[in-house]
Amino acid sequence: MSTPSLSALPEEIQVQILGYVYKYSLIDLRLVSHTFARLITPIIFRAIRVRAYRDEPQRFIDIAMTEHLRCHVREVTCDTWTGSCPMNKRRELTDKFFQAVPFISMFPRLDTLNIRLEHDRSHIDHNTRLALLETLFHCLEGTWNMDDYVRRNTMSTPQPSTCECYPQAQTGIPLPIKTLTISNLIDRRAAKISTTIFLI
């Protein structure tokens, strides 16, 4: 009598079972076999997050620029959280975050966008919340422009390697998302956003 194994089940059942496994464990399970890698990759990359934290902006860009990964992305969470770092370091992290945000237009199957706005003095001082909302909504409308974005939202010029791969080809192509959530939109400065910007 053979020992029961997960691989003996139909792939549809395997996918349902794997969907309950902790995401970081799935990353390791991808290495078990080619079949697991094929089944698990869409699960891992279905929902991704980008924060103004460490190397997350670059990882977000890498996923957006990798065709066989970006096609699986259905949900993106943009979070302005910078972690526990010195105030003078937060602007650098925020700039890298904003350089990554426009790559959201590279996900053709995106249907859910979550925006989390951090309660932080540096974000209030630099009006980061409004800048993030404007950038994301322009990307969703397909009207994002790199020159306008760099002039408004960054204190430093993006690295040449980043500029070369900015998603210019996606300009004019709207992203018809189905779900939009915005957390912590309580700052009075956010009231400057025109109500029409939400009707995209």
N, C-alpha and C. Protein backbone atom coordinates (compact mmCIF):
# COMPACT_ATOMS: atom_id res chain seq x y z
N MET A 1 0.85 -1.20 0.00
CA MET A 1 0.00 0.00 0.00
C MET A 1 0.88 1.25 0.00
N SER A 2 0.69 2.09 -0.98
CA SER A 2 1.53 3.28 -1.11
C SER A 2 1.12 4.35 -0.10
N THR A 3 2.10 5.17 0.28
CA THR A 3 1.85 6.26 1.22
C THR A 3 1.18 7.42 0.49
N PRO A 4 0.06 7.93 1.01
CA PRO A 4 -0.62 9.06 0.35
C PRO A 4 0.31 10.26 0.25
N SER A 5 0.22 10.98 -0.84
CA SER A 5 1.04 12.18 -1.01
C SER A 5 0.22 13.28 -1.67
N LEU A 6 0.64 14.51 -1.43
CA LEU A 6 -0.07 15.65 -2.00
C LEU A 6 -0.02 15.62 -3.52
N SER A 7 1.10 15.18 -4.07
CA SER A 7 1.26 15.17 -5.52
C SER A 7 0.33 14.19 -6.21
N ALA A 8 -0.24 13.25 -5.46
CA ALA A 8 -1.16 12.28 -6.06
C ALA A 8 -2.55 12.86 -6.29
N LEU A 9 -2.83 13.99 -5.67
CA LEU A 9 -4.13 14.63 -5.81
C LEU A 9 -4.22 15.41 -7.12
N PRO A 10 -5.42 15.65 -7.62
CA PRO A 10 -5.58 16.52 -8.80
C PRO A 10 -4.99 17.90 -8.51
N GLU A 11 -4.47 18.55 -9.53
CA GLU A 11 -3.81 19.84 -9.33
C GLU A 11 -4.76 20.89 -8.75
N GLU A 12 -6.04 20.83 -9.12
CA GLU A 12 -6.99 21.80 -8.59
C GLU A 12 -7.09 21.69 -7.06
N ILE A 13 -7.05 20.45 -6.56
CA ILE A 13 -7.11 20.23 -5.11
C ILE A 13 -5.80 20.67 -4.46
N GLN A 14 -4.69 20.40 -5.12
CA GLN A 14 -3.39 20.82 -4.59
C GLN A 14 -3.35 22.34 -4.42
N VAL A 15 -3.85 23.06 -5.41
CA VAL A 15 -3.85 24.52 -5.35
C VAL A 15 -4.68 25.02 -4.17
N GLN A 16 -5.85 24.40 -3.96
CA GLN A 16 -6.69 24.81 -2.83
C GLN A 16 -5.99 24.57 -1.50
N ILE A 17 -5.31 23.44 -1.38
CA ILE A 17 -4.59 23.13 -0.13
C ILE A 17 -3.42 24.09 0.06
N LEU A 18 -2.66 24.32 -0.98
CA LEU A 18 -1.49 25.20 -0.89
C LEU A 18 -1.90 26.63 -0.56
N GLY A 19 -3.13 27.00 -0.92
CA GLY A 19 -3.60 28.35 -0.62
C GLY A 19 -3.71 28.64 0.86
N TYR A 20 -3.73 27.59 1.69
CA TYR A 20 -3.82 27.76 3.15
C TYR A 20 -2.44 27.79 3.82
N VAL A 21 -1.41 27.53 3.05
CA VAL A 21 -0.05 27.50 3.61
C VAL A 21 0.50 28.91 3.73
N TYR A 22 1.25 29.17 4.79
CA TYR A 22 1.86 30.48 5.02
C TYR A 22 2.73 30.86 3.82
N LYS A 23 2.65 32.11 3.40
CA LYS A 23 3.28 32.56 2.16
C LYS A 23 4.78 32.29 2.14
N TYR A 24 5.47 32.57 3.25
CA TYR A 24 6.92 32.38 3.26
C TYR A 24 7.30 30.91 3.21
N SER A 25 6.42 30.02 3.65
CA SER A 25 6.66 28.59 3.51
C SER A 25 6.48 28.17 2.06
N LEU A 26 5.53 28.80 1.38
CA LEU A 26 5.32 28.49 -0.04
C LEU A 26 6.54 28.82 -0.88
N ILE A 27 7.24 29.89 -0.50
CA ILE A 27 8.45 30.27 -1.24
C ILE A 27 9.46 29.13 -1.22
N ASP A 28 9.60 28.48 -0.07
CA ASP A 28 10.51 27.34 0.03
C ASP A 28 9.96 26.13 -0.72
N LEU A 29 8.65 25.93 -0.66
CA LEU A 29 8.04 24.77 -1.33
C LEU A 29 8.19 24.83 -2.84
N ARG A 30 8.36 26.02 -3.38
CA ARG A 30 8.55 26.14 -4.83
C ARG A 30 9.76 25.36 -5.30
N LEU A 31 10.71 25.15 -4.40
CA LEU A 31 11.96 24.47 -4.76
C LEU A 31 11.83 22.95 -4.75
N VAL A 32 10.70 22.44 -4.30
CA VAL A 32 10.53 20.99 -4.19
C VAL A 32 10.51 20.32 -5.56
N SER A 33 9.77 20.91 -6.49
CA SER A 33 9.65 20.31 -7.82
C SER A 33 9.19 21.35 -8.82
N HIS A 34 9.31 21.03 -10.08
CA HIS A 34 8.84 21.93 -11.13
C HIS A 34 7.32 22.10 -11.05
N THR A 35 6.63 21.02 -10.69
CA THR A 35 5.17 21.10 -10.57
C THR A 35 4.77 22.05 -9.46
N PHE A 36 5.42 21.94 -8.31
CA PHE A 36 5.13 22.85 -7.20
C PHE A 36 5.44 24.29 -7.59
N ALA A 37 6.54 24.49 -8.28
CA ALA A 37 6.90 25.85 -8.69
C ALA A 37 5.81 26.44 -9.59
N ARG A 38 5.29 25.62 -10.49
CA ARG A 38 4.25 26.08 -11.42
C ARG A 38 2.95 26.38 -10.69
N LEU A 39 2.60 25.56 -9.72
CA LEU A 39 1.34 25.74 -8.99
C LEU A 39 1.42 26.86 -7.96
N ILE A 40 2.58 27.02 -7.34
CA ILE A 40 2.72 27.96 -6.23
C ILE A 40 2.98 29.38 -6.68
N THR A 41 3.67 29.56 -7.79
CA THR A 41 4.02 30.92 -8.24
C THR A 41 2.80 31.84 -8.35
N PRO A 42 1.69 31.41 -8.96
CA PRO A 42 0.51 32.31 -9.02
C PRO A 42 -0.05 32.65 -7.64
N ILE A 43 0.08 31.72 -6.68
CA ILE A 43 -0.42 31.98 -5.33
C ILE A 43 0.42 33.04 -4.64
N ILE A 44 1.74 32.91 -4.76
CA ILE A 44 2.66 33.84 -4.09
C ILE A 44 2.50 35.26 -4.62
N PHE A 45 2.36 35.39 -5.92
CA PHE A 45 2.37 36.72 -6.53
C PHE A 45 0.97 37.28 -6.80
N ARG A 46 -0.05 36.59 -6.34
CA ARG A 46 -1.40 37.12 -6.54
C ARG A 46 -1.60 38.44 -5.81
N ALA A 47 -1.11 38.53 -4.58
CA ALA A 47 -1.22 39.76 -3.79
C ALA A 47 0.17 40.16 -3.32
N ILE A 48 0.61 41.37 -3.69
CA ILE A 48 1.94 41.83 -3.30
C ILE A 48 1.83 43.19 -2.62
N ARG A 49 2.90 43.57 -1.94
CA ARG A 49 2.91 44.82 -1.18
C ARG A 49 4.19 45.58 -1.47
N VAL A 50 4.08 46.89 -1.51
CA VAL A 50 5.27 47.74 -1.61
C VAL A 50 5.19 48.81 -0.52
N ARG A 51 6.24 48.88 0.30
CA ARG A 51 6.32 49.89 1.36
C ARG A 51 7.57 50.73 1.14
N ALA A 52 7.61 51.88 1.79
CA ALA A 52 8.80 52.73 1.74
C ALA A 52 9.80 52.20 2.77
N TYR A 53 10.20 50.96 2.58
CA TYR A 53 10.96 50.24 3.60
C TYR A 53 12.00 49.34 2.95
N ARG A 54 13.24 49.54 3.35
CA ARG A 54 14.36 48.72 2.89
C ARG A 54 14.35 48.59 1.36
N ASP A 55 14.43 47.35 0.85
CA ASP A 55 14.53 47.16 -0.60
C ASP A 55 13.19 46.80 -1.24
N GLU A 56 12.09 47.01 -0.52
CA GLU A 56 10.79 46.65 -1.07
C GLU A 56 10.46 47.37 -2.37
N PRO A 57 10.78 48.68 -2.51
CA PRO A 57 10.50 49.33 -3.80
C PRO A 57 11.20 48.66 -4.98
N GLN A 58 12.45 48.25 -4.81
CA GLN A 58 13.18 47.61 -5.90
C GLN A 58 12.59 46.23 -6.21
N ARG A 59 12.19 45.50 -5.19
CA ARG A 59 11.57 44.20 -5.42
C ARG A 59 10.25 44.35 -6.17
N PHE A 60 9.51 45.40 -5.85
CA PHE A 60 8.26 45.69 -6.55
C PHE A 60 8.53 45.96 -8.03
N ILE A 61 9.57 46.75 -8.31
CA ILE A 61 9.95 47.03 -9.69
C ILE A 61 10.36 45.75 -10.41
N ASP A 62 11.13 44.90 -9.73
CA ASP A 62 11.59 43.65 -10.34
C ASP A 62 10.41 42.77 -10.74
N ILE A 63 9.40 42.68 -9.88
CA ILE A 63 8.21 41.89 -10.21
C ILE A 63 7.48 42.50 -11.40
N ALA A 64 7.33 43.82 -11.38
CA ALA A 64 6.61 44.51 -12.46
C ALA A 64 7.30 44.33 -13.81
N MET A 65 8.62 44.23 -13.80
CA MET A 65 9.37 44.12 -15.04
C MET A 65 9.60 42.68 -15.48
N THR A 66 9.10 41.72 -14.70
CA THR A 66 9.26 40.30 -15.04
C THR A 66 7.92 39.76 -15.54
N GLU A 67 7.85 39.50 -16.83
CA GLU A 67 6.57 39.19 -17.47
C GLU A 67 5.88 37.97 -16.87
N HIS A 68 6.63 36.90 -16.58
CA HIS A 68 5.99 35.68 -16.08
C HIS A 68 5.58 35.78 -14.62
N LEU A 69 5.93 36.89 -13.95
CA LEU A 69 5.49 37.12 -12.57
C LEU A 69 4.35 38.14 -12.51
N ARG A 70 4.48 39.24 -13.27
CA ARG A 70 3.48 40.31 -13.18
C ARG A 70 2.11 39.87 -13.67
N CYS A 71 2.06 38.86 -14.52
CA CYS A 71 0.77 38.41 -15.03
C CYS A 71 -0.09 37.75 -13.94
N HIS A 72 0.53 37.38 -12.82
CA HIS A 72 -0.22 36.74 -11.74
C HIS A 72 -0.77 37.73 -10.72
N VAL A 73 -0.31 38.97 -10.76
CA VAL A 73 -0.66 39.96 -9.73
C VAL A 73 -2.10 40.43 -9.91
N ARG A 74 -2.90 40.25 -8.88
CA ARG A 74 -4.29 40.72 -8.88
C ARG A 74 -4.52 41.83 -7.86
N GLU A 75 -3.69 41.86 -6.82
CA GLU A 75 -3.89 42.81 -5.72
C GLU A 75 -2.56 43.44 -5.32
N VAL A 76 -2.56 44.76 -5.17
CA VAL A 76 -1.36 45.50 -4.75
C VAL A 76 -1.71 46.37 -3.55
N THR A 77 -0.84 46.37 -2.55
CA THR A 77 -0.96 47.26 -1.40
C THR A 77 0.21 48.22 -1.40
N CYS A 78 -0.08 49.52 -1.45
CA CYS A 78 0.94 50.56 -1.38
C CYS A 78 0.90 51.18 0.01
N ASP A 79 2.01 51.12 0.72
CA ASP A 79 2.06 51.54 2.12
C ASP A 79 3.23 52.50 2.30
N THR A 80 2.97 53.68 2.85
CA THR A 80 4.03 54.69 3.02
C THR A 80 4.87 54.45 4.27
N TRP A 81 4.67 53.34 4.96
CA TRP A 81 5.43 53.04 6.18
C TRP A 81 6.91 52.92 5.88
N THR A 82 7.74 53.60 6.67
CA THR A 82 9.19 53.58 6.46
C THR A 82 9.94 52.80 7.53
N GLY A 83 9.23 52.30 8.52
CA GLY A 83 9.90 51.58 9.60
C GLY A 83 10.53 52.53 10.60
N SER A 84 11.29 51.97 11.51
CA SER A 84 11.95 52.77 12.55
C SER A 84 13.33 53.20 12.06
N CYS A 85 13.37 54.29 11.35
CA CYS A 85 14.63 54.79 10.83
C CYS A 85 14.75 56.28 11.15
N PRO A 86 15.97 56.82 11.13
CA PRO A 86 16.16 58.25 11.42
C PRO A 86 15.37 59.12 10.45
N MET A 87 14.95 60.28 10.91
CA MET A 87 14.14 61.18 10.10
C MET A 87 14.85 61.56 8.80
N ASN A 88 16.19 61.75 8.87
CA ASN A 88 16.91 62.16 7.66
C ASN A 88 17.01 61.03 6.63
N LYS A 89 16.72 59.80 7.04
CA LYS A 89 16.76 58.67 6.12
C LYS A 89 15.40 58.44 5.46
N ARG A 90 14.36 58.96 6.08
CA ARG A 90 13.01 58.67 5.59
C ARG A 90 12.74 59.30 4.23
N ARG A 91 13.31 60.47 3.98
CA ARG A 91 13.09 61.10 2.68
C ARG A 91 13.68 60.26 1.56
N GLU A 92 14.86 59.70 1.81
CA GLU A 92 15.49 58.83 0.80
C GLU A 92 14.62 57.60 0.53
N LEU A 93 14.12 56.99 1.60
CA LEU A 93 13.26 55.82 1.44
C LEU A 93 11.96 56.18 0.72
N THR A 94 11.42 57.34 1.04
CA THR A 94 10.19 57.78 0.40
C THR A 94 10.40 58.04 -1.08
N ASP A 95 11.54 58.64 -1.44
CA ASP A 95 11.84 58.88 -2.86
C ASP A 95 11.90 57.56 -3.63
N LYS A 96 12.56 56.55 -3.06
CA LYS A 96 12.66 55.25 -3.73
C LYS A 96 11.28 54.62 -3.86
N PHE A 97 10.46 54.81 -2.85
CA PHE A 97 9.09 54.30 -2.89
C PHE A 97 8.31 54.94 -4.03
N PHE A 98 8.41 56.26 -4.15
CA PHE A 98 7.68 56.97 -5.20
C PHE A 98 8.21 56.62 -6.59
N GLN A 99 9.48 56.28 -6.69
CA GLN A 99 10.02 55.87 -7.98
C GLN A 99 9.45 54.51 -8.40
N ALA A 100 9.05 53.71 -7.42
CA ALA A 100 8.50 52.38 -7.73
C ALA A 100 7.00 52.40 -8.00
N VAL A 101 6.28 53.33 -7.39
CA VAL A 101 4.82 53.36 -7.48
C VAL A 101 4.28 53.33 -8.92
N PRO A 102 4.83 54.10 -9.87
CA PRO A 102 4.26 54.10 -11.23
C PRO A 102 4.29 52.74 -11.92
N PHE A 103 5.11 51.82 -11.43
CA PHE A 103 5.18 50.50 -12.05
C PHE A 103 3.91 49.68 -11.80
N ILE A 104 3.00 50.23 -11.03
CA ILE A 104 1.72 49.55 -10.82
C ILE A 104 0.97 49.40 -12.15
N SER A 105 1.27 50.29 -13.09
CA SER A 105 0.60 50.22 -14.39
C SER A 105 1.05 49.03 -15.23
N MET A 106 2.07 48.30 -14.77
CA MET A 106 2.58 47.15 -15.51
C MET A 106 1.81 45.87 -15.21
N PHE A 107 0.85 45.92 -14.28
CA PHE A 107 0.12 44.71 -13.90
C PHE A 107 -1.22 44.68 -14.63
N PRO A 108 -1.31 43.96 -15.75
CA PRO A 108 -2.51 44.01 -16.60
C PRO A 108 -3.75 43.40 -15.97
N ARG A 109 -3.60 42.54 -14.99
CA ARG A 109 -4.75 41.87 -14.39
C ARG A 109 -5.08 42.40 -12.99
N LEU A 110 -4.53 43.53 -12.66
CA LEU A 110 -4.79 44.12 -11.34
C LEU A 110 -6.28 44.44 -11.18
N ASP A 111 -6.88 43.98 -10.09
CA ASP A 111 -8.28 44.33 -9.84
C ASP A 111 -8.52 44.90 -8.45
N THR A 112 -7.51 44.88 -7.57
CA THR A 112 -7.66 45.42 -6.22
C THR A 112 -6.45 46.26 -5.85
N LEU A 113 -6.70 47.47 -5.38
CA LEU A 113 -5.63 48.36 -4.93
C LEU A 113 -5.93 48.82 -3.51
N ASN A 114 -4.97 48.58 -2.62
CA ASN A 114 -5.09 49.03 -1.23
C ASN A 114 -4.04 50.11 -0.97
N ILE A 115 -4.45 51.23 -0.44
CA ILE A 115 -3.54 52.34 -0.15
C ILE A 115 -3.54 52.57 1.36
N ARG A 116 -2.37 52.46 1.96
CA ARG A 116 -2.24 52.67 3.40
C ARG A 116 -1.34 53.88 3.65
N LEU A 117 -1.89 54.87 4.29
CA LEU A 117 -1.18 56.12 4.53
C LEU A 117 -0.70 56.17 5.98
N GLU A 118 0.61 56.29 6.15
CA GLU A 118 1.21 56.25 7.48
C GLU A 118 0.99 57.54 8.24
N HIS A 119 0.71 57.42 9.55
CA HIS A 119 0.63 58.58 10.44
C HIS A 119 2.05 58.93 10.86
N ASP A 120 2.66 59.85 10.17
CA ASP A 120 4.05 60.20 10.45
C ASP A 120 4.27 61.67 10.14
N ARG A 121 5.02 62.35 11.00
CA ARG A 121 5.22 63.78 10.82
C ARG A 121 5.90 64.11 9.49
N SER A 122 6.86 63.29 9.08
CA SER A 122 7.57 63.58 7.83
C SER A 122 6.64 63.49 6.63
N HIS A 123 5.68 62.57 6.67
CA HIS A 123 4.72 62.45 5.57
C HIS A 123 3.79 63.66 5.53
N ILE A 124 3.43 64.16 6.71
CA ILE A 124 2.57 65.34 6.76
C ILE A 124 3.32 66.57 6.25
N ASP A 125 4.58 66.73 6.69
CA ASP A 125 5.38 67.88 6.28
C ASP A 125 5.59 67.92 4.77
N HIS A 126 5.81 66.76 4.16
CA HIS A 126 6.08 66.71 2.72
C HIS A 126 4.83 66.41 1.89
N ASN A 127 3.68 66.36 2.56
CA ASN A 127 2.41 66.11 1.87
C ASN A 127 2.46 64.82 1.04
N THR A 128 3.10 63.81 1.61
CA THR A 128 3.28 62.54 0.92
C THR A 128 1.95 61.87 0.57
N ARG A 129 0.98 62.00 1.44
CA ARG A 129 -0.30 61.33 1.22
C ARG A 129 -0.96 61.80 -0.07
N LEU A 130 -1.05 63.10 -0.22
CA LEU A 130 -1.67 63.65 -1.42
C LEU A 130 -0.88 63.27 -2.67
N ALA A 131 0.45 63.34 -2.56
CA ALA A 131 1.30 62.99 -3.71
C ALA A 131 1.10 61.54 -4.13
N LEU A 132 0.99 60.64 -3.15
CA LEU A 132 0.79 59.23 -3.47
C LEU A 132 -0.56 59.01 -4.14
N LEU A 133 -1.60 59.61 -3.60
CA LEU A 133 -2.93 59.45 -4.19
C LEU A 133 -2.97 59.98 -5.62
N GLU A 134 -2.38 61.15 -5.83
CA GLU A 134 -2.36 61.72 -7.18
C GLU A 134 -1.61 60.81 -8.15
N THR A 135 -0.45 60.31 -7.72
CA THR A 135 0.35 59.44 -8.59
C THR A 135 -0.41 58.17 -8.93
N LEU A 136 -1.00 57.53 -7.94
CA LEU A 136 -1.71 56.28 -8.17
C LEU A 136 -2.94 56.48 -9.06
N PHE A 137 -3.68 57.55 -8.82
CA PHE A 137 -4.88 57.78 -9.63
C PHE A 137 -4.52 58.13 -11.07
N HIS A 138 -3.42 58.84 -11.27
CA HIS A 138 -2.97 59.10 -12.64
C HIS A 138 -2.57 57.79 -13.33
N CYS A 139 -1.93 56.89 -12.58
CA CYS A 139 -1.55 55.60 -13.14
C CYS A 139 -2.79 54.79 -13.51
N LEU A 140 -3.80 54.81 -12.65
CA LEU A 140 -5.03 54.08 -12.93
C LEU A 140 -5.75 54.64 -14.15
N GLU A 141 -5.67 55.95 -14.32
CA GLU A 141 -6.32 56.59 -15.47
C GLU A 141 -5.53 56.41 -16.76
N GLY A 142 -4.25 56.05 -16.62
CA GLY A 142 -3.38 55.96 -17.79
C GLY A 142 -2.84 57.31 -18.22
N THR A 143 -2.81 58.29 -17.29
CA THR A 143 -2.36 59.65 -17.62
C THR A 143 -1.07 60.01 -16.90
N TRP A 144 -0.40 59.03 -16.31
CA TRP A 144 0.84 59.32 -15.58
C TRP A 144 1.94 59.76 -16.53
N ASN A 145 2.70 60.77 -16.11
CA ASN A 145 3.79 61.30 -16.93
C ASN A 145 5.05 61.37 -16.08
N MET A 146 6.15 60.79 -16.56
CA MET A 146 7.37 60.71 -15.76
C MET A 146 7.94 62.08 -15.44
N ASP A 147 7.97 62.98 -16.39
CA ASP A 147 8.57 64.30 -16.15
C ASP A 147 7.80 65.07 -15.09
N ASP A 148 6.48 65.06 -15.18
CA ASP A 148 5.67 65.75 -14.17
C ASP A 148 5.85 65.11 -12.80
N TYR A 149 5.92 63.79 -12.81
CA TYR A 149 6.05 63.05 -11.55
C TYR A 149 7.36 63.37 -10.84
N VAL A 150 8.47 63.34 -11.58
CA VAL A 150 9.78 63.62 -10.98
C VAL A 150 9.83 65.04 -10.45
N ARG A 151 9.28 65.98 -11.20
CA ARG A 151 9.32 67.38 -10.79
C ARG A 151 8.51 67.62 -9.52
N ARG A 152 7.38 66.93 -9.36
CA ARG A 152 6.51 67.18 -8.22
C ARG A 152 6.87 66.37 -6.99
N ASN A 153 7.28 65.12 -7.20
CA ASN A 153 7.28 64.20 -6.07
C ASN A 153 8.64 63.78 -5.53
N THR A 154 9.73 64.15 -6.16
CA THR A 154 11.02 63.73 -5.65
C THR A 154 11.95 64.91 -5.50
N MET A 155 12.83 64.81 -4.50
CA MET A 155 13.82 65.84 -4.27
C MET A 155 15.11 65.53 -5.02
N SER A 156 15.24 64.27 -5.44
CA SER A 156 16.43 63.86 -6.17
C SER A 156 16.04 63.21 -7.48
N THR A 157 16.92 63.23 -8.46
CA THR A 157 16.65 62.63 -9.76
C THR A 157 16.75 61.12 -9.67
N PRO A 158 15.78 60.36 -10.21
CA PRO A 158 15.85 58.91 -10.17
C PRO A 158 17.11 58.40 -10.86
N GLN A 159 17.56 57.22 -10.46
CA GLN A 159 18.72 56.61 -11.08
C GLN A 159 18.43 56.34 -12.56
N PRO A 160 19.45 56.50 -13.43
CA PRO A 160 19.24 56.27 -14.86
C PRO A 160 18.64 54.90 -15.15
N SER A 161 19.09 53.87 -14.42
CA SER A 161 18.58 52.52 -14.66
C SER A 161 17.09 52.43 -14.40
N THR A 162 16.60 53.25 -13.44
CA THR A 162 15.17 53.26 -13.15
C THR A 162 14.41 54.01 -14.23
N CYS A 163 14.93 55.16 -14.66
CA CYS A 163 14.26 55.96 -15.68
C CYS A 163 14.09 55.19 -16.98
N GLU A 164 15.13 54.40 -17.36
CA GLU A 164 15.10 53.70 -18.63
C GLU A 164 13.97 52.69 -18.71
N CYS A 165 13.57 52.15 -17.56
CA CYS A 165 12.54 51.10 -17.60
C CYS A 165 11.20 51.58 -17.08
N TYR A 166 11.04 52.90 -16.90
CA TYR A 166 9.74 53.40 -16.45
C TYR A 166 8.67 52.99 -17.45
N PRO A 167 7.48 52.67 -16.97
CA PRO A 167 6.43 52.09 -17.83
C PRO A 167 5.76 53.10 -18.75
N GLN A 168 6.54 53.75 -19.61
CA GLN A 168 5.98 54.75 -20.52
C GLN A 168 4.99 54.13 -21.50
N ALA A 169 5.23 52.86 -21.85
CA ALA A 169 4.36 52.23 -22.83
C ALA A 169 2.93 52.06 -22.32
N GLN A 170 2.76 52.14 -21.00
CA GLN A 170 1.43 51.94 -20.44
C GLN A 170 0.61 53.23 -20.39
N THR A 171 1.23 54.36 -20.73
CA THR A 171 0.51 55.63 -20.73
C THR A 171 -0.67 55.57 -21.69
N GLY A 172 -1.83 56.00 -21.22
CA GLY A 172 -3.03 55.97 -22.05
C GLY A 172 -3.86 54.72 -21.87
N ILE A 173 -3.34 53.75 -21.11
CA ILE A 173 -4.07 52.51 -20.88
C ILE A 173 -4.55 52.49 -19.43
N PRO A 174 -5.85 52.69 -19.20
CA PRO A 174 -6.36 52.70 -17.82
C PRO A 174 -6.38 51.30 -17.22
N LEU A 175 -6.33 51.23 -15.91
CA LEU A 175 -6.44 49.96 -15.20
C LEU A 175 -7.83 49.89 -14.57
N PRO A 176 -8.72 49.08 -15.10
CA PRO A 176 -10.10 49.02 -14.60
C PRO A 176 -10.22 48.17 -13.34
N ILE A 177 -9.70 48.67 -12.22
CA ILE A 177 -9.76 47.91 -10.98
C ILE A 177 -11.20 47.81 -10.48
N LYS A 178 -11.45 46.79 -9.68
CA LYS A 178 -12.79 46.56 -9.13
C LYS A 178 -12.91 47.03 -7.69
N THR A 179 -11.79 47.01 -6.96
CA THR A 179 -11.83 47.34 -5.53
C THR A 179 -10.72 48.32 -5.18
N LEU A 180 -11.08 49.37 -4.45
CA LEU A 180 -10.11 50.36 -3.98
C LEU A 180 -10.36 50.63 -2.50
N THR A 181 -9.31 50.49 -1.67
CA THR A 181 -9.43 50.83 -0.25
C THR A 181 -8.33 51.82 0.11
N ILE A 182 -8.68 52.80 0.94
CA ILE A 182 -7.72 53.80 1.40
C ILE A 182 -7.80 53.85 2.92
N SER A 183 -6.68 53.61 3.58
CA SER A 183 -6.64 53.61 5.05
C SER A 183 -5.97 54.86 5.58
N ASN A 184 -6.48 55.38 6.68
CA ASN A 184 -5.89 56.51 7.40
C ASN A 184 -5.95 57.82 6.63
N LEU A 185 -6.96 58.02 5.84
CA LEU A 185 -7.13 59.28 5.11
C LEU A 185 -7.85 60.27 6.02
N ILE A 186 -7.10 60.81 7.00
CA ILE A 186 -7.73 61.72 7.96
C ILE A 186 -7.05 63.08 8.01
N ASP A 187 -5.91 63.22 7.35
CA ASP A 187 -5.21 64.51 7.40
C ASP A 187 -6.02 65.57 6.67
N ARG A 188 -6.13 66.74 7.23
CA ARG A 188 -6.94 67.79 6.64
C ARG A 188 -6.43 68.21 5.27
N ARG A 189 -5.13 68.04 5.03
CA ARG A 189 -4.59 68.44 3.73
C ARG A 189 -5.12 67.57 2.61
N ALA A 190 -5.51 66.34 2.96
CA ALA A 190 -6.05 65.45 1.95
C ALA A 190 -7.36 65.96 1.39
N ALA A 191 -7.99 66.89 2.09
CA ALA A 191 -9.26 67.45 1.61
C ALA A 191 -9.09 68.24 0.33
N LYS A 192 -7.84 68.57 -0.03
CA LYS A 192 -7.60 69.32 -1.25
C LYS A 192 -7.85 68.49 -2.50
N ILE A 193 -7.90 67.18 -2.32
CA ILE A 193 -8.13 66.32 -3.48
C ILE A 193 -9.53 66.57 -4.02
N SER A 194 -9.63 66.80 -5.28
CA SER A 194 -10.94 66.99 -5.89
C SER A 194 -11.75 65.71 -5.80
N THR A 195 -13.01 65.83 -5.50
CA THR A 195 -13.85 64.63 -5.40
C THR A 195 -13.95 63.90 -6.72
N THR A 196 -13.70 64.59 -7.81
CA THR A 196 -13.80 63.94 -9.11
C THR A 196 -12.68 62.96 -9.34
N ILE A 197 -11.58 63.08 -8.60
CA ILE A 197 -10.45 62.19 -8.84
C ILE A 197 -10.78 60.76 -8.43
N PHE A 198 -11.80 60.60 -7.57
CA PHE A 198 -12.18 59.27 -7.14
C PHE A 198 -13.10 58.59 -8.16
N LEU A 199 -13.58 59.34 -9.11
CA LEU A 199 -14.53 58.79 -10.07
C LEU A 199 -13.84 58.39 -11.34
N ILE A 200 -12.84 57.52 -11.23
CA ILE A 200 -12.10 57.09 -12.41
C ILE A 200 -12.60 55.73 -12.87
